[in-house]
Amino acid sequence: MKKKILTFIIIIISLGLLVQAKAQTSEPSTQVILTWQANNYFPADYPLKALATPMTPILVSAELIKDNKIIDISKADFLWYVNNKYFNRGIGLKEILINVPVNWLGPYLVRTEIQLEQNNYGNSVSVNIAEPQVIIDYPSPIKTFKEGEQIVLRSVPYFFNANNFQDFNFFWKINLHFQKELNNQNPVILTVSKDWANTDNSFRIGAGVENKTSPLIPPQETSLTFYLSQ
C-alpha cells in the first residue's frame, strides 16, 4: 500500500513539473535590444564599427523583441539614463543622441526602461570611449634607406569628431622635431638625409593630426622607425 501511495505521489510531482516546464517554455520571451553608432570620421574603406570617442555624437537605439519579432513601440513610454543619471523621457522615444565629454575615456553606460501595456522592460549597454587614432600608411616592407632615397608616407586619421578630410591639420616630425615646411602636406615625400641618423643609424618619422573643428581635443600622433644604410 505504501509503495502505491509513494508511486502515486511521484507521478503527481512529475506531472506538476512537466506542466510547469511547458508553461515556462510556452511563455513568449521578450527582450530589449540596445545598439549604438558613433558618428565620426573614418576612411571609406574601414570595414569595422567606428569607435566612440570624446565629443563624438553617439546614437543609441532600442528595439523590443518578442518571439524573434520586432514589436511596435511607438506608443511605449521610454525612460533613458546615462551613467545612472536621468537623461530623457518620451513616448516612442526609441533613439537618443548623446555627446561624450571631452575628457572622458572608458565605459559610458546607457540604460533604458520601457513601459508598454502595463508591462515593464529594460536593458543597458556599455559604450567604451577611446581616443581618436592616427596611423601612418606605409605599405612597403622596406625600412632601410640610403641617403638621398625617398620615402612616401600618408597620415590617416580615424574616429575624430569631424565631418570630412578638410577638417584636419597635419604635421610631421623627424626624431621628435617639427618639420614646419611639411605642415598640412599629406601625403609627404621625404628625401633621406644622413643627418637624421641616431647613434644606431635609426631615425623616427612622426605624423600628427589635429581636428580644426574640435580644438579641445588634443592632437594625436604616431611614428615609424627607419634606418640609414651604411
C-alpha atoms as a PDB file:
ATOM      1  CA  MET A   1       0.000   0.000   0.000  1.00  0.00           C
ATOM      2  CA  LYS A   2       2.813   2.379   0.941  1.00  0.00           C
ATOM      3  CA  LYS A   3       4.540   1.631  -2.368  1.00  0.00           C
ATOM      4  CA  LYS A   4       1.352   2.506  -4.274  1.00  0.00           C
ATOM      5  CA  ILE A   5       0.990   5.793  -2.376  1.00  0.00           C
ATOM      6  CA  LEU A   6       4.665   6.648  -2.971  1.00  0.00           C
ATOM      7  CA  THR A   7       4.324   5.827  -6.660  1.00  0.00           C
ATOM      8  CA  PHE A   8       1.202   7.984  -6.891  1.00  0.00           C
ATOM      9  CA  ILE A   9       2.989  10.938  -5.226  1.00  0.00           C
ATOM     10  CA  ILE A  10       5.941  10.625  -7.610  1.00  0.00           C
ATOM     11  CA  ILE A  11       3.578  10.604 -10.596  1.00  0.00           C
ATOM     12  CA  ILE A  12       1.755  13.710  -9.321  1.00  0.00           C
ATOM     13  CA  ILE A  13       5.045  15.579  -8.746  1.00  0.00           C
ATOM     14  CA  SER A  14       6.334  14.563 -12.175  1.00  0.00           C
ATOM     15  CA  LEU A  15       3.136  15.760 -13.843  1.00  0.00           C
ATOM     16  CA  GLY A  16       3.363  19.035 -11.954  1.00  0.00           C
ATOM     17  CA  LEU A  17       6.946  19.595 -13.061  1.00  0.00           C
ATOM     18  CA  LEU A  18       6.004  18.735 -16.636  1.00  0.00           C
ATOM     19  CA  VAL A  19       3.131  21.227 -16.631  1.00  0.00           C
ATOM     20  CA  GLN A  20       5.393  23.888 -15.110  1.00  0.00           C
ATOM     21  CA  ALA A  21       8.087  23.241 -17.722  1.00  0.00           C
ATOM     22  CA  LYS A  22       5.540  23.513 -20.532  1.00  0.00           C
ATOM     23  CA  ALA A  23       4.229  26.755 -19.074  1.00  0.00           C
ATOM     24  CA  GLN A  24       7.733  28.183 -18.895  1.00  0.00           C
ATOM     25  CA  THR A  25       8.624  27.201 -22.433  1.00  0.00           C
ATOM     26  CA  SER A  26       5.313  28.418 -23.832  1.00  0.00           C
ATOM     27  CA  GLU A  27       5.671  31.917 -22.346  1.00  0.00           C
ATOM     28  CA  PRO A  28       6.832  34.352 -25.018  1.00  0.00           C
ATOM     29  CA  SER A  29      10.356  35.657 -24.444  1.00  0.00           C
ATOM     30  CA  THR A  30      10.643  39.447 -24.625  1.00  0.00           C
ATOM     31  CA  GLN A  31      13.872  41.398 -24.559  1.00  0.00           C
ATOM     32  CA  VAL A  32      15.154  44.903 -25.188  1.00  0.00           C
ATOM     33  CA  ILE A  33      17.982  45.167 -27.707  1.00  0.00           C
ATOM     34  CA  LEU A  34      20.174  48.276 -27.479  1.00  0.00           C
ATOM     35  CA  THR A  35      22.568  49.245 -30.253  1.00  0.00           C
ATOM     36  CA  TRP A  36      24.819  52.258 -30.721  1.00  0.00           C
ATOM     37  CA  GLN A  37      26.590  54.018 -33.568  1.00  0.00           C
ATOM     38  CA  ALA A  38      29.336  56.637 -33.364  1.00  0.00           C
ATOM     39  CA  ASN A  39      29.028  59.409 -35.941  1.00  0.00           C
ATOM     40  CA  ASN A  40      32.640  60.376 -36.582  1.00  0.00           C
ATOM     41  CA  TYR A  41      35.258  60.381 -39.313  1.00  0.00           C
ATOM     42  CA  PHE A  42      36.960  57.256 -40.622  1.00  0.00           C
ATOM     43  CA  PRO A  43      38.247  56.217 -44.067  1.00  0.00           C
ATOM     44  CA  ALA A  44      35.653  54.958 -46.507  1.00  0.00           C
ATOM     45  CA  ASP A  45      37.339  51.554 -46.764  1.00  0.00           C
ATOM     46  CA  TYR A  46      37.311  50.928 -42.999  1.00  0.00           C
ATOM     47  CA  PRO A  47      35.219  47.724 -42.636  1.00  0.00           C
ATOM     48  CA  LEU A  48      34.513  47.636 -38.887  1.00  0.00           C
ATOM     49  CA  LYS A  49      32.373  49.556 -36.433  1.00  0.00           C
ATOM     50  CA  ALA A  50      33.646  53.046 -35.644  1.00  0.00           C
ATOM     51  CA  LEU A  51      34.974  53.541 -32.133  1.00  0.00           C
ATOM     52  CA  ALA A  52      33.220  56.018 -29.876  1.00  0.00           C
ATOM     53  CA  THR A  53      35.471  58.944 -28.940  1.00  0.00           C
ATOM     54  CA  PRO A  54      35.122  62.111 -26.819  1.00  0.00           C
ATOM     55  CA  MET A  55      32.775  64.775 -28.235  1.00  0.00           C
ATOM     56  CA  THR A  56      31.526  62.338 -30.872  1.00  0.00           C
ATOM     57  CA  PRO A  57      27.721  62.161 -31.277  1.00  0.00           C
ATOM     58  CA  ILE A  58      26.579  58.640 -30.397  1.00  0.00           C
ATOM     59  CA  LEU A  59      23.172  57.392 -31.489  1.00  0.00           C
ATOM     60  CA  VAL A  60      21.677  54.782 -29.132  1.00  0.00           C
ATOM     61  CA  SER A  61      18.620  52.861 -30.361  1.00  0.00           C
ATOM     62  CA  ALA A  62      16.208  50.460 -28.665  1.00  0.00           C
ATOM     63  CA  GLU A  63      14.088  47.664 -30.090  1.00  0.00           C
ATOM     64  CA  LEU A  64      11.660  45.374 -28.283  1.00  0.00           C
ATOM     65  CA  ILE A  65      11.846  41.777 -29.489  1.00  0.00           C
ATOM     66  CA  LYS A  66       9.161  39.195 -28.725  1.00  0.00           C
ATOM     67  CA  ASP A  67       9.311  35.675 -30.160  1.00  0.00           C
ATOM     68  CA  ASN A  68      12.024  36.879 -32.556  1.00  0.00           C
ATOM     69  CA  LYS A  69       9.752  39.622 -33.898  1.00  0.00           C
ATOM     70  CA  ILE A  70      10.121  43.394 -33.565  1.00  0.00           C
ATOM     71  CA  ILE A  71       7.273  44.880 -31.516  1.00  0.00           C
ATOM     72  CA  ASP A  72       5.699  48.253 -32.266  1.00  0.00           C
ATOM     73  CA  ILE A  73       6.931  50.597 -29.528  1.00  0.00           C
ATOM     74  CA  SER A  74       5.692  53.864 -30.978  1.00  0.00           C
ATOM     75  CA  LYS A  75       3.284  54.214 -28.029  1.00  0.00           C
ATOM     76  CA  ALA A  76       5.669  52.947 -25.357  1.00  0.00           C
ATOM     77  CA  ASP A  77       6.918  55.222 -22.577  1.00  0.00           C
ATOM     78  CA  PHE A  78      10.729  55.430 -22.574  1.00  0.00           C
ATOM     79  CA  LEU A  79      12.992  56.480 -19.712  1.00  0.00           C
ATOM     80  CA  TRP A  80      16.675  56.959 -20.575  1.00  0.00           C
ATOM     81  CA  TYR A  81      19.630  57.147 -18.195  1.00  0.00           C
ATOM     82  CA  VAL A  82      23.274  57.917 -18.948  1.00  0.00           C
ATOM     83  CA  ASN A  83      25.820  56.833 -16.348  1.00  0.00           C
ATOM     84  CA  ASN A  84      22.918  56.237 -13.939  1.00  0.00           C
ATOM     85  CA  LYS A  85      21.641  59.814 -14.297  1.00  0.00           C
ATOM     86  CA  TYR A  86      18.313  60.776 -15.842  1.00  0.00           C
ATOM     87  CA  PHE A  87      18.754  61.804 -19.471  1.00  0.00           C
ATOM     88  CA  ASN A  88      15.369  61.979 -21.210  1.00  0.00           C
ATOM     89  CA  ARG A  89      11.833  60.641 -21.329  1.00  0.00           C
ATOM     90  CA  GLY A  90       9.178  60.424 -24.017  1.00  0.00           C
ATOM     91  CA  ILE A  91       6.519  58.390 -25.776  1.00  0.00           C
ATOM     92  CA  GLY A  92       8.048  56.440 -28.644  1.00  0.00           C
ATOM     93  CA  LEU A  93      11.492  57.832 -27.804  1.00  0.00           C
ATOM     94  CA  LYS A  94      13.364  54.773 -29.087  1.00  0.00           C
ATOM     95  CA  GLU A  95      16.514  56.723 -30.019  1.00  0.00           C
ATOM     96  CA  ILE A  96      18.670  59.241 -28.195  1.00  0.00           C
ATOM     97  CA  LEU A  97      21.758  61.172 -29.260  1.00  0.00           C
ATOM     98  CA  ILE A  98      24.461  61.670 -26.655  1.00  0.00           C
ATOM     99  CA  ASN A  99      27.741  63.579 -26.724  1.00  0.00           C
ATOM    100  CA  VAL A 100      30.615  62.290 -24.615  1.00  0.00           C
ATOM    101  CA  PRO A 101      32.551  64.919 -22.600  1.00  0.00           C
ATOM    102  CA  VAL A 102      35.945  65.962 -23.897  1.00  0.00           C
ATOM    103  CA  ASN A 103      37.950  64.349 -21.096  1.00  0.00           C
ATOM    104  CA  TRP A 104      36.021  61.072 -20.799  1.00  0.00           C
ATOM    105  CA  LEU A 105      37.735  57.758 -21.542  1.00  0.00           C
ATOM    106  CA  GLY A 106      36.431  54.318 -20.594  1.00  0.00           C
ATOM    107  CA  PRO A 107      32.917  52.846 -20.233  1.00  0.00           C
ATOM    108  CA  TYR A 108      29.856  55.024 -20.822  1.00  0.00           C
ATOM    109  CA  LEU A 109      26.687  53.342 -19.530  1.00  0.00           C
ATOM    110  CA  VAL A 110      23.354  53.920 -21.272  1.00  0.00           C
ATOM    111  CA  ARG A 111      20.179  52.378 -19.838  1.00  0.00           C
ATOM    112  CA  THR A 112      16.530  52.471 -20.867  1.00  0.00           C
ATOM    113  CA  GLU A 113      13.284  51.476 -19.165  1.00  0.00           C
ATOM    114  CA  ILE A 114      10.249  50.830 -21.358  1.00  0.00           C
ATOM    115  CA  GLN A 115       6.626  50.672 -20.241  1.00  0.00           C
ATOM    116  CA  LEU A 116       4.219  49.157 -22.757  1.00  0.00           C
ATOM    117  CA  GLU A 117       0.679  47.985 -21.995  1.00  0.00           C
ATOM    118  CA  GLN A 118       1.371  47.867 -18.244  1.00  0.00           C
ATOM    119  CA  ASN A 119       4.473  45.737 -18.788  1.00  0.00           C
ATOM    120  CA  ASN A 120       7.960  46.957 -17.925  1.00  0.00           C
ATOM    121  CA  TYR A 121      11.109  46.106 -19.846  1.00  0.00           C
ATOM    122  CA  GLY A 122      14.655  47.355 -19.691  1.00  0.00           C
ATOM    123  CA  ASN A 123      18.260  46.880 -20.646  1.00  0.00           C
ATOM    124  CA  SER A 124      21.591  48.686 -20.675  1.00  0.00           C
ATOM    125  CA  VAL A 125      24.632  48.920 -22.909  1.00  0.00           C
ATOM    126  CA  SER A 126      28.181  49.946 -22.082  1.00  0.00           C
ATOM    127  CA  VAL A 127      29.896  52.027 -24.764  1.00  0.00           C
ATOM    128  CA  ASN A 128      33.667  52.102 -24.457  1.00  0.00           C
ATOM    129  CA  ILE A 129      35.065  55.576 -25.146  1.00  0.00           C
ATOM    130  CA  ALA A 130      38.513  55.607 -26.754  1.00  0.00           C
ATOM    131  CA  GLU A 131      40.865  58.247 -28.105  1.00  0.00           C
ATOM    132  CA  PRO A 132      40.916  59.180 -31.791  1.00  0.00           C
ATOM    133  CA  GLN A 133      43.712  57.499 -33.695  1.00  0.00           C
ATOM    134  CA  VAL A 134      46.134  58.245 -36.485  1.00  0.00           C
ATOM    135  CA  ILE A 135      48.198  55.760 -38.439  1.00  0.00           C
ATOM    136  CA  ILE A 136      50.975  56.193 -40.980  1.00  0.00           C
ATOM    137  CA  ASP A 137      50.128  54.443 -44.205  1.00  0.00           C
ATOM    138  CA  TYR A 138      53.357  52.867 -45.389  1.00  0.00           C
ATOM    139  CA  PRO A 139      52.641  49.519 -47.078  1.00  0.00           C
ATOM    140  CA  SER A 140      56.233  48.768 -48.110  1.00  0.00           C
ATOM    141  CA  PRO A 141      58.297  46.283 -46.038  1.00  0.00           C
ATOM    142  CA  ILE A 142      61.466  48.305 -46.743  1.00  0.00           C
ATOM    143  CA  LYS A 143      62.677  50.099 -43.611  1.00  0.00           C
ATOM    144  CA  THR A 144      66.319  50.778 -44.564  1.00  0.00           C
ATOM    145  CA  PHE A 145      67.298  53.594 -46.935  1.00  0.00           C
ATOM    146  CA  LYS A 146      70.375  55.190 -48.378  1.00  0.00           C
ATOM    147  CA  GLU A 147      70.963  58.904 -48.179  1.00  0.00           C
ATOM    148  CA  GLY A 148      69.084  60.677 -50.964  1.00  0.00           C
ATOM    149  CA  GLU A 149      66.417  57.991 -51.348  1.00  0.00           C
ATOM    150  CA  GLN A 150      62.795  58.983 -50.920  1.00  0.00           C
ATOM    151  CA  ILE A 151      60.095  57.802 -48.524  1.00  0.00           C
ATOM    152  CA  VAL A 152      56.420  58.357 -49.301  1.00  0.00           C
ATOM    153  CA  LEU A 153      54.129  58.438 -46.266  1.00  0.00           C
ATOM    154  CA  ARG A 154      50.460  59.207 -45.740  1.00  0.00           C
ATOM    155  CA  SER A 155      48.777  60.155 -42.477  1.00  0.00           C
ATOM    156  CA  VAL A 156      45.335  58.580 -41.930  1.00  0.00           C
ATOM    157  CA  PRO A 157      43.001  59.836 -39.149  1.00  0.00           C
ATOM    158  CA  TYR A 158      40.393  57.600 -37.508  1.00  0.00           C
ATOM    159  CA  PHE A 159      37.394  58.342 -35.261  1.00  0.00           C
ATOM    160  CA  PHE A 160      37.824  62.094 -34.889  1.00  0.00           C
ATOM    161  CA  ASN A 161      34.718  64.194 -34.299  1.00  0.00           C
ATOM    162  CA  ALA A 162      34.872  65.592 -37.820  1.00  0.00           C
ATOM    163  CA  ASN A 163      32.774  65.567 -40.964  1.00  0.00           C
ATOM    164  CA  ASN A 164      35.358  65.388 -43.717  1.00  0.00           C
ATOM    165  CA  PHE A 165      39.054  65.307 -44.534  1.00  0.00           C
ATOM    166  CA  GLN A 166      39.241  69.098 -44.799  1.00  0.00           C
ATOM    167  CA  ASP A 167      38.622  69.407 -41.044  1.00  0.00           C
ATOM    168  CA  PHE A 168      42.175  68.247 -40.224  1.00  0.00           C
ATOM    169  CA  ASN A 169      45.558  69.873 -39.814  1.00  0.00           C
ATOM    170  CA  PHE A 170      48.520  67.576 -40.469  1.00  0.00           C
ATOM    171  CA  PHE A 171      52.053  67.913 -39.156  1.00  0.00           C
ATOM    172  CA  TRP A 172      55.217  65.834 -39.366  1.00  0.00           C
ATOM    173  CA  LYS A 173      58.240  65.253 -37.154  1.00  0.00           C
ATOM    174  CA  ILE A 174      61.677  63.764 -37.699  1.00  0.00           C
ATOM    175  CA  ASN A 175      63.257  62.487 -34.485  1.00  0.00           C
ATOM    176  CA  LEU A 176      60.662  64.458 -32.477  1.00  0.00           C
ATOM    177  CA  HIS A 177      61.486  67.742 -34.250  1.00  0.00           C
ATOM    178  CA  PHE A 178      58.677  69.562 -36.045  1.00  0.00           C
ATOM    179  CA  GLN A 179      59.118  69.970 -39.796  1.00  0.00           C
ATOM    180  CA  LYS A 180      57.207  73.206 -40.351  1.00  0.00           C
ATOM    181  CA  GLU A 181      57.736  73.134 -44.096  1.00  0.00           C
ATOM    182  CA  LEU A 182      55.685  69.916 -44.197  1.00  0.00           C
ATOM    183  CA  ASN A 183      52.638  71.291 -42.373  1.00  0.00           C
ATOM    184  CA  ASN A 184      49.378  70.148 -43.986  1.00  0.00           C
ATOM    185  CA  GLN A 185      51.185  68.091 -46.590  1.00  0.00           C
ATOM    186  CA  ASN A 186      49.569  64.695 -46.863  1.00  0.00           C
ATOM    187  CA  PRO A 187      50.978  62.531 -48.266  1.00  0.00           C
ATOM    188  CA  VAL A 188      54.592  63.644 -47.903  1.00  0.00           C
ATOM    189  CA  ILE A 189      57.670  62.737 -49.919  1.00  0.00           C
ATOM    190  CA  LEU A 190      60.793  62.814 -47.749  1.00  0.00           C
ATOM    191  CA  THR A 191      64.368  62.689 -49.023  1.00  0.00           C
ATOM    192  CA  VAL A 192      66.510  60.749 -46.565  1.00  0.00           C
ATOM    193  CA  SER A 193      69.404  62.658 -45.014  1.00  0.00           C
ATOM    194  CA  LYS A 194      72.366  61.233 -43.119  1.00  0.00           C
ATOM    195  CA  ASP A 195      71.811  63.996 -40.573  1.00  0.00           C
ATOM    196  CA  TRP A 196      68.691  62.156 -39.417  1.00  0.00           C
ATOM    197  CA  ALA A 197      70.591  59.094 -38.202  1.00  0.00           C
ATOM    198  CA  ASN A 198      70.901  58.419 -34.484  1.00  0.00           C
ATOM    199  CA  THR A 199      73.828  56.502 -32.995  1.00  0.00           C
ATOM    200  CA  ASP A 200      72.262  53.195 -34.086  1.00  0.00           C
ATOM    201  CA  ASN A 201      71.539  54.612 -37.583  1.00  0.00           C
ATOM    202  CA  SER A 202      67.816  54.728 -36.833  1.00  0.00           C
ATOM    203  CA  PHE A 203      65.527  57.694 -37.352  1.00  0.00           C
ATOM    204  CA  ARG A 204      61.875  58.192 -36.458  1.00  0.00           C
ATOM    205  CA  ILE A 205      59.279  59.876 -38.626  1.00  0.00           C
ATOM    206  CA  GLY A 206      56.221  61.034 -36.751  1.00  0.00           C
ATOM    207  CA  ALA A 207      52.792  62.069 -38.005  1.00  0.00           C
ATOM    208  CA  GLY A 208      50.235  64.139 -36.147  1.00  0.00           C
ATOM    209  CA  VAL A 209      46.621  65.090 -36.762  1.00  0.00           C
ATOM    210  CA  GLU A 210      44.659  67.959 -35.249  1.00  0.00           C
ATOM    211  CA  ASN A 211      40.911  68.411 -35.612  1.00  0.00           C
ATOM    212  CA  LYS A 212      40.274  72.049 -36.525  1.00  0.00           C
ATOM    213  CA  THR A 213      36.596  71.777 -35.567  1.00  0.00           C
ATOM    214  CA  SER A 214      37.278  70.452 -32.025  1.00  0.00           C
ATOM    215  CA  PRO A 215      40.163  72.463 -30.544  1.00  0.00           C
ATOM    216  CA  LEU A 216      39.569  70.954 -27.084  1.00  0.00           C
ATOM    217  CA  ILE A 217      40.630  67.521 -28.328  1.00  0.00           C
ATOM    218  CA  PRO A 218      44.448  67.265 -28.238  1.00  0.00           C
ATOM    219  CA  PRO A 219      46.289  66.287 -31.433  1.00  0.00           C
ATOM    220  CA  GLN A 220      47.005  62.602 -31.932  1.00  0.00           C
ATOM    221  CA  GLU A 221      50.428  61.366 -33.002  1.00  0.00           C
ATOM    222  CA  THR A 222      52.182  58.202 -34.095  1.00  0.00           C
ATOM    223  CA  SER A 223      55.563  57.335 -35.604  1.00  0.00           C
ATOM    224  CA  LEU A 224      57.561  54.758 -37.553  1.00  0.00           C
ATOM    225  CA  THR A 225      61.219  53.818 -37.209  1.00  0.00           C
ATOM    226  CA  PHE A 226      63.507  53.593 -40.243  1.00  0.00           C
ATOM    227  CA  TYR A 227      67.234  53.012 -40.687  1.00  0.00           C
ATOM    228  CA  LEU A 228      70.024  54.598 -42.685  1.00  0.00           C
ATOM    229  CA  SER A 229      72.124  52.040 -44.514  1.00  0.00           C
ATOM    230  CA  GLN A 230      75.915  52.208 -44.315  1.00  0.00           C
END
